[in-house]
Amino acid sequence: MLQYVSTTVEHILTELRKVIVGQDYAIEQILVALLAEGHALIEGVPGTAKTLLVKTLSRIVGAQFGRIQFTPDLMPSDITGTNVFNVATSDFTLRKGPIFTDILLADEINRTPPKTQAALLEAMEERQVTIDGEAHALSPLFTVLATENPIEYEGTYPLPEAQLDRFLLKILLDYPSQDAEQQVVANWDAGFNSRYLDRIDIRPLAEADAISRCRFEVRNARMEMGVQRYVVDIVRRTRSHLSVLYGASPRASVSLLLCSKSLAALRGREFTTPDDVRDIARPVLRHRLTLRAEAELDGATPDAVITDILQAAEVPR
C-alpha cells in the first residue's frame, strides 16, 4: 500500500543529499510535516542551511516557493495582500501577498511583532486568507516552514502560545558533524554554490500530484488501539508533570498520531510502532509545554521533561 510513499521519499532524499549534507534527522522531520499536512518551526543558528533546505525541497517536489523576510516594520497586509483601487476600471483588484504559494519560508519569524505574526494564524489552520471580509482559498499543498534564530533575543518577539500550537513540529537544526562539515567544504571547493540552485542537477518528482498521493496513503494508514492509548498517555502526562505549568492540549495528541503515522510511512511500514511515537514525540511536544519558573531555574528543559515522560509511560506490547 505504501510503496508509492517509499519510492517518492527515496527520490526526495536522494536529491536533497546532493545539496544538504549532514542534516538527515532534520530532513526526516520536515518530510514528516509535509506528509502529515502540517507546518514546521525550524530553529537553528545562522549558517546551518535552513533556508537552503526549504528552497531545495520546493524544487524537488515541484512546489511554488514563496519567502517572507520578517522584520519589525512588516505589516499584516505585506503577508496576505490587499485590495488596490484600479482607476481605469473603477473597481478594486486583489494584489495577492506572498502567502499565496505552496511552500512558504517564513524567515526569522520571531523578528516581527505579534500583530503581523497573527496574520499567519488563519492561513495555517484553515488554509485560507480573509481580506476585507472575503475568504480566499490557499493551495492544497500550502505549508509554512518558519525559521528562527535561538541565539539572539534583542529585537525579537517570542511567538505567542496560540501560534506555536499551530506548528505541527518544532525542529532543532544542530551543527553538522566534523565529517559532514568537511564534506560541505569539499563540495564548495569542487565548485558547488548554493546561490545557483538552477545549475545543480536536481530532478523534480515526475508527477505533479505526488505529495497529494502520499498524503492520501498516510491518512488511510491505521494505528492499533494500543499504540493510540500510548499516544494519549504520553500527552496527558505532560499535564501532570511536576515541572510543567501548562501541558499539551488534545491537538497535540492528534499531531502525535499524524506524525507517528507519517514517520512509519517514511520508514516503509504500513503500521505504526511505539518506537515511531517515541522518535517523533520531542519535535511534536517541545514547543507546546510551558515550564514552571522554578523548574527552569533548576535547569529543566522541554526535551528533558519529554524524555522523563517517555521513560515513565508504559509501552504497549
Protein backbone atom coordinates (compact mmCIF):
# COMPACT_ATOMS: atom_id res chain seq x y z
CA MET A 1 0.00 0.00 0.00
CA LEU A 2 2.75 2.46 0.97
CA GLN A 3 5.13 1.51 -1.84
CA TYR A 4 4.39 4.80 -3.61
CA VAL A 5 5.29 6.76 -0.47
CA SER A 6 8.58 4.85 -0.10
CA THR A 7 9.54 5.45 -3.73
CA THR A 8 8.67 9.16 -3.53
CA VAL A 9 10.53 9.70 -0.27
CA GLU A 10 13.62 7.89 -1.55
CA HIS A 11 13.68 10.18 -4.59
CA ILE A 12 13.35 13.31 -2.40
CA LEU A 13 16.13 12.15 -0.07
CA THR A 14 18.47 11.32 -2.96
CA GLU A 15 18.04 14.76 -4.50
CA LEU A 16 18.25 16.63 -1.18
CA ARG A 17 21.55 14.96 -0.33
CA LYS A 18 23.07 16.47 -3.47
CA VAL A 19 22.79 19.83 -1.71
CA ILE A 20 22.28 19.27 2.03
CA VAL A 21 24.97 17.39 3.96
CA GLY A 22 24.73 16.02 7.49
CA GLN A 23 21.16 17.03 8.37
CA ASP A 24 19.33 13.74 7.75
CA TYR A 25 17.47 13.87 11.08
CA ALA A 26 16.06 17.36 10.37
CA ILE A 27 15.21 16.36 6.79
CA GLU A 28 13.24 13.37 8.07
CA GLN A 29 11.21 15.59 10.39
CA ILE A 30 10.45 18.13 7.65
CA LEU A 31 9.21 15.31 5.41
CA VAL A 32 7.04 14.10 8.30
CA ALA A 33 5.44 17.55 8.49
CA LEU A 34 4.93 17.63 4.71
CA LEU A 35 3.24 14.20 4.63
CA ALA A 36 1.11 14.97 7.70
CA GLU A 37 -0.14 18.22 6.09
CA GLY A 38 1.37 20.32 8.87
CA HIS A 39 3.69 23.26 9.38
CA ALA A 40 7.13 23.24 10.98
CA LEU A 41 9.18 25.71 13.02
CA ILE A 42 12.90 25.26 12.32
CA GLU A 43 15.28 26.60 14.95
CA GLY A 44 18.99 26.78 14.35
CA VAL A 45 21.96 29.13 14.43
CA PRO A 46 22.77 31.08 11.24
CA GLY A 47 24.57 29.14 8.54
CA THR A 48 23.13 25.68 9.16
CA ALA A 49 21.33 25.55 5.78
CA LYS A 50 17.76 26.20 7.00
CA THR A 51 16.81 28.37 4.02
CA LEU A 52 18.72 26.22 1.53
CA LEU A 53 16.93 23.10 2.76
CA VAL A 54 13.48 24.63 2.23
CA LYS A 55 14.33 26.06 -1.21
CA THR A 56 15.79 22.75 -2.40
CA LEU A 57 12.81 20.77 -1.12
CA SER A 58 10.44 23.09 -3.02
CA ARG A 59 12.32 22.47 -6.27
CA ILE A 60 12.27 18.71 -5.80
CA VAL A 61 8.53 18.41 -5.09
CA GLY A 62 7.71 20.89 -7.87
CA ALA A 63 6.05 23.32 -5.48
CA GLN A 64 5.70 27.06 -5.88
CA PHE A 65 8.08 28.69 -3.40
CA GLY A 66 7.48 31.93 -1.51
CA ARG A 67 9.64 33.71 1.02
CA ILE A 68 8.94 36.40 3.58
CA GLN A 69 11.82 38.03 5.42
CA PHE A 70 10.22 39.03 8.71
CA THR A 71 11.26 42.44 10.06
CA PRO A 72 9.89 44.70 12.85
CA ASP A 73 8.18 47.02 10.34
CA LEU A 74 6.39 44.26 8.39
CA MET A 75 2.61 44.74 8.23
CA PRO A 76 -0.10 42.01 8.01
CA SER A 77 -1.05 43.19 4.50
CA ASP A 78 2.57 42.63 3.41
CA ILE A 79 1.88 38.93 4.03
CA THR A 80 -1.72 38.44 2.95
CA GLY A 81 -2.05 41.08 0.25
CA THR A 82 -4.53 43.92 -0.15
CA ASN A 83 -7.27 45.23 -2.41
CA VAL A 84 -5.99 48.04 -4.64
CA PHE A 85 -8.28 50.54 -6.38
CA ASN A 86 -7.98 50.44 -10.17
CA VAL A 87 -8.73 53.89 -11.59
CA ALA A 88 -9.23 52.54 -15.11
CA THR A 89 -11.98 50.10 -14.10
CA SER A 90 -13.24 51.99 -11.00
CA ASP A 91 -13.00 48.73 -9.10
CA PHE A 92 -10.82 47.06 -6.51
CA THR A 93 -8.34 44.37 -7.55
CA LEU A 94 -6.75 41.91 -5.15
CA ARG A 95 -2.98 42.16 -5.09
CA LYS A 96 -2.04 38.83 -3.55
CA GLY A 97 0.69 38.65 -0.95
CA PRO A 98 3.49 36.06 -0.75
CA ILE A 99 1.28 33.79 1.37
CA PHE A 100 -0.44 32.65 -1.83
CA THR A 101 2.05 29.90 -2.60
CA ASP A 102 2.67 26.20 -1.98
CA ILE A 103 5.66 26.23 0.39
CA LEU A 104 6.19 29.44 2.33
CA LEU A 105 9.51 30.15 4.02
CA ALA A 106 8.79 32.48 6.96
CA ASP A 107 12.37 33.56 7.59
CA GLU A 108 13.19 34.73 11.14
CA ILE A 109 9.52 34.75 12.08
CA ASN A 110 10.26 35.99 15.60
CA ARG A 111 11.59 39.33 14.32
CA THR A 112 8.13 40.75 13.60
CA PRO A 113 5.53 41.96 16.15
CA PRO A 114 2.61 39.71 17.27
CA LYS A 115 0.10 41.63 15.10
CA THR A 116 1.96 40.61 11.97
CA GLN A 117 2.69 37.09 13.25
CA ALA A 118 -1.06 36.68 13.76
CA ALA A 119 -1.64 37.22 10.04
CA LEU A 120 -0.47 33.62 9.58
CA LEU A 121 -2.91 32.06 12.07
CA GLU A 122 -5.95 31.69 9.80
CA ALA A 123 -3.82 30.57 6.87
CA MET A 124 -2.03 27.90 8.89
CA GLU A 125 -5.17 26.49 10.48
CA GLU A 126 -7.81 26.82 7.74
CA ARG A 127 -5.73 27.08 4.54
CA GLN A 128 -7.47 30.33 3.65
CA VAL A 129 -6.96 34.10 3.99
CA THR A 130 -9.67 36.66 4.70
CA ILE A 131 -9.08 40.07 3.12
CA ASP A 132 -11.69 42.81 3.59
CA GLY A 133 -14.24 40.23 4.70
CA GLU A 134 -13.76 37.93 1.71
CA ALA A 135 -12.20 34.48 2.12
CA HIS A 136 -9.59 33.34 -0.40
CA ALA A 137 -8.55 29.67 -0.53
CA LEU A 138 -4.87 28.78 -0.45
CA SER A 139 -3.10 25.98 -2.27
CA PRO A 140 -3.91 22.45 -1.03
CA LEU A 141 -0.15 21.98 -0.64
CA PHE A 142 0.22 25.16 1.43
CA THR A 143 2.90 24.59 4.07
CA VAL A 144 4.64 27.10 6.33
CA LEU A 145 8.25 26.33 7.19
CA ALA A 146 9.32 29.07 9.59
CA THR A 147 12.84 29.68 10.86
CA GLU A 148 14.06 31.38 13.99
CA ASN A 149 17.47 32.13 15.47
CA PRO A 150 17.88 30.81 19.05
CA ILE A 151 20.90 32.91 19.99
CA GLU A 152 19.52 36.44 19.51
CA TYR A 153 16.76 37.88 21.68
CA GLU A 154 17.26 41.62 21.23
CA GLY A 155 14.73 42.99 18.75
CA THR A 156 12.73 39.76 18.63
CA TYR A 157 9.15 38.93 19.59
CA PRO A 158 8.59 35.45 21.04
CA LEU A 159 5.77 33.62 19.27
CA PRO A 160 2.50 33.51 21.26
CA GLU A 161 1.48 30.08 22.56
CA ALA A 162 -1.56 30.07 20.24
CA GLN A 163 0.66 30.40 17.20
CA LEU A 164 3.25 27.94 18.44
CA ASP A 165 0.49 25.37 18.78
CA ARG A 166 -0.33 25.78 15.07
CA PHE A 167 3.08 24.33 14.20
CA LEU A 168 2.96 20.56 13.92
CA LEU A 169 6.67 20.24 14.73
CA LYS A 170 9.48 22.28 16.18
CA ILE A 171 12.70 21.07 14.57
CA LEU A 172 16.09 21.81 16.10
CA LEU A 173 18.80 22.11 13.46
CA ASP A 174 22.17 21.41 15.05
CA TYR A 175 25.72 21.86 13.77
CA PRO A 176 26.77 19.10 11.37
CA SER A 177 29.33 16.50 12.41
CA GLN A 178 33.00 17.04 11.59
CA ASP A 179 32.83 14.62 8.66
CA ALA A 180 29.71 16.31 7.29
CA GLU A 181 31.23 19.77 7.62
CA GLN A 182 34.37 18.52 5.87
CA GLN A 183 32.14 17.30 3.02
CA VAL A 184 30.46 20.73 2.82
CA VAL A 185 33.85 22.40 2.44
CA ALA A 186 34.93 19.83 -0.16
CA ASN A 187 31.72 20.41 -2.16
CA TRP A 188 32.29 24.16 -2.27
CA ASP A 189 35.93 23.65 -3.22
CA ALA A 190 34.75 21.46 -6.11
CA GLY A 191 32.54 24.26 -7.46
CA PHE A 192 29.23 23.90 -5.60
CA ASN A 193 27.46 27.22 -4.96
CA SER A 194 24.13 27.30 -3.12
CA ARG A 195 23.25 30.65 -4.71
CA TYR A 196 22.82 28.93 -8.07
CA LEU A 197 20.47 26.03 -7.40
CA ASP A 198 19.32 26.13 -11.02
CA ARG A 199 22.82 24.97 -12.06
CA ILE A 200 22.64 21.86 -9.88
CA ASP A 201 21.23 18.67 -11.38
CA ILE A 202 18.13 18.37 -9.17
CA ARG A 203 15.46 16.07 -10.58
CA PRO A 204 11.93 17.07 -9.53
CA LEU A 205 9.28 14.44 -8.89
CA ALA A 206 7.85 13.05 -12.10
CA GLU A 207 4.22 13.50 -11.03
CA ALA A 208 2.79 16.87 -10.00
CA ASP A 209 0.38 15.30 -7.51
CA ALA A 210 2.99 13.04 -5.86
CA ILE A 211 2.78 14.71 -2.43
CA SER A 212 -1.04 14.67 -2.51
CA ARG A 213 -1.00 10.94 -3.29
CA CYS A 214 1.47 10.29 -0.47
CA ARG A 215 -0.70 12.24 1.96
CA PHE A 216 -3.73 10.20 0.94
CA GLU A 217 -1.89 6.94 1.64
CA VAL A 218 -0.65 8.17 5.02
CA ARG A 219 -4.15 9.33 6.02
CA ASN A 220 -5.55 5.91 5.21
CA ALA A 221 -2.97 4.03 7.27
CA ARG A 222 -4.29 2.88 10.64
CA MET A 223 -2.82 2.78 14.14
CA GLU A 224 -3.56 -0.06 16.55
CA MET A 225 -5.62 0.82 19.61
CA GLY A 226 -2.76 0.00 21.98
CA VAL A 227 -0.46 2.48 20.26
CA GLN A 228 -3.28 5.07 20.23
CA ARG A 229 -3.56 4.72 24.01
CA TYR A 230 0.21 5.14 24.24
CA VAL A 231 -0.03 8.42 22.30
CA VAL A 232 -2.77 9.74 24.59
CA ASP A 233 -0.94 8.61 27.73
CA ILE A 234 2.24 10.49 26.74
CA VAL A 235 0.35 13.72 26.05
CA ARG A 236 -1.74 13.51 29.23
CA ARG A 237 1.39 13.00 31.33
CA THR A 238 2.64 16.42 30.18
CA ARG A 239 -0.26 17.99 32.10
CA SER A 240 0.63 16.41 35.44
CA HIS A 241 4.43 16.55 35.33
CA LEU A 242 5.86 18.49 38.28
CA SER A 243 8.00 20.73 36.04
CA VAL A 244 5.15 21.71 33.72
CA LEU A 245 2.79 24.66 34.28
CA TYR A 246 0.67 24.07 31.17
CA GLY A 247 0.79 20.76 29.33
CA ALA A 248 -0.06 19.83 25.75
CA SER A 249 -3.66 20.04 24.50
CA PRO A 250 -5.72 17.38 22.65
CA ARG A 251 -4.43 18.98 19.43
CA ALA A 252 -1.02 17.66 20.46
CA SER A 253 -2.45 14.12 20.74
CA VAL A 254 -3.78 14.36 17.18
CA SER A 255 -0.46 15.82 16.00
CA LEU A 256 1.48 12.98 17.62
CA LEU A 257 -0.83 10.46 15.94
CA LEU A 258 -0.42 12.02 12.48
CA CYS A 259 3.34 12.45 12.78
CA SER A 260 3.84 8.89 14.04
CA LYS A 261 1.90 7.53 11.06
CA SER A 262 3.93 9.70 8.68
CA LEU A 263 7.21 8.59 10.22
CA ALA A 264 6.19 4.93 9.91
CA ALA A 265 5.38 5.54 6.23
CA LEU A 266 8.78 7.20 5.70
CA ARG A 267 10.34 4.08 7.14
CA GLY A 268 8.41 1.88 4.70
CA ARG A 269 5.81 0.43 7.08
CA GLU A 270 2.02 0.41 6.92
CA PHE A 271 1.75 0.10 10.72
CA THR A 272 2.95 2.42 13.48
CA THR A 273 5.06 1.15 16.37
CA PRO A 274 5.76 2.68 19.80
CA ASP A 275 9.29 3.42 18.51
CA ASP A 276 7.79 5.74 15.89
CA VAL A 277 5.83 7.56 18.59
CA ARG A 278 8.90 7.94 20.82
CA ASP A 279 11.13 9.11 17.98
CA ILE A 280 8.81 11.94 16.95
CA ALA A 281 7.47 12.90 20.41
CA ARG A 282 10.06 15.60 21.13
CA PRO A 283 9.55 17.63 17.91
CA VAL A 284 5.77 17.36 18.37
CA LEU A 285 5.65 18.36 22.04
CA ARG A 286 8.67 20.55 22.86
CA HIS A 287 7.00 23.83 21.79
CA ARG A 288 3.67 23.01 23.45
CA LEU A 289 4.93 22.84 27.04
CA THR A 290 5.12 25.80 29.43
CA LEU A 291 7.53 25.01 32.25
CA ARG A 292 7.26 26.33 35.79
CA ALA A 293 9.66 29.19 36.53
CA GLU A 294 11.30 27.33 39.39
CA ALA A 295 11.85 24.28 37.15
CA GLU A 296 13.55 26.43 34.51
CA LEU A 297 15.78 27.93 37.19
CA ASP A 298 16.76 24.40 38.15
CA GLY A 299 17.80 23.75 34.55
CA ALA A 300 14.74 21.86 33.27
CA THR A 301 14.07 21.94 29.51
CA PRO A 302 11.07 20.76 27.48
CA ASP A 303 13.14 17.97 25.90
CA ALA A 304 14.29 16.76 29.32
CA VAL A 305 10.69 16.70 30.54
CA ILE A 306 9.56 14.74 27.46
CA THR A 307 12.41 12.26 27.97
CA ASP A 308 11.28 11.79 31.57
CA ILE A 309 7.70 11.17 30.41
CA LEU A 310 8.77 8.68 27.75
CA GLN A 311 10.72 6.73 30.35
CA ALA A 312 7.71 6.64 32.68
CA ALA A 313 4.96 5.83 30.15
CA GLU A 314 4.09 2.16 29.79
CA VAL A 315 4.99 0.84 26.35
CA PRO A 316 2.28 -1.33 24.74
CA ARG A 317 3.20 -4.93 23.97
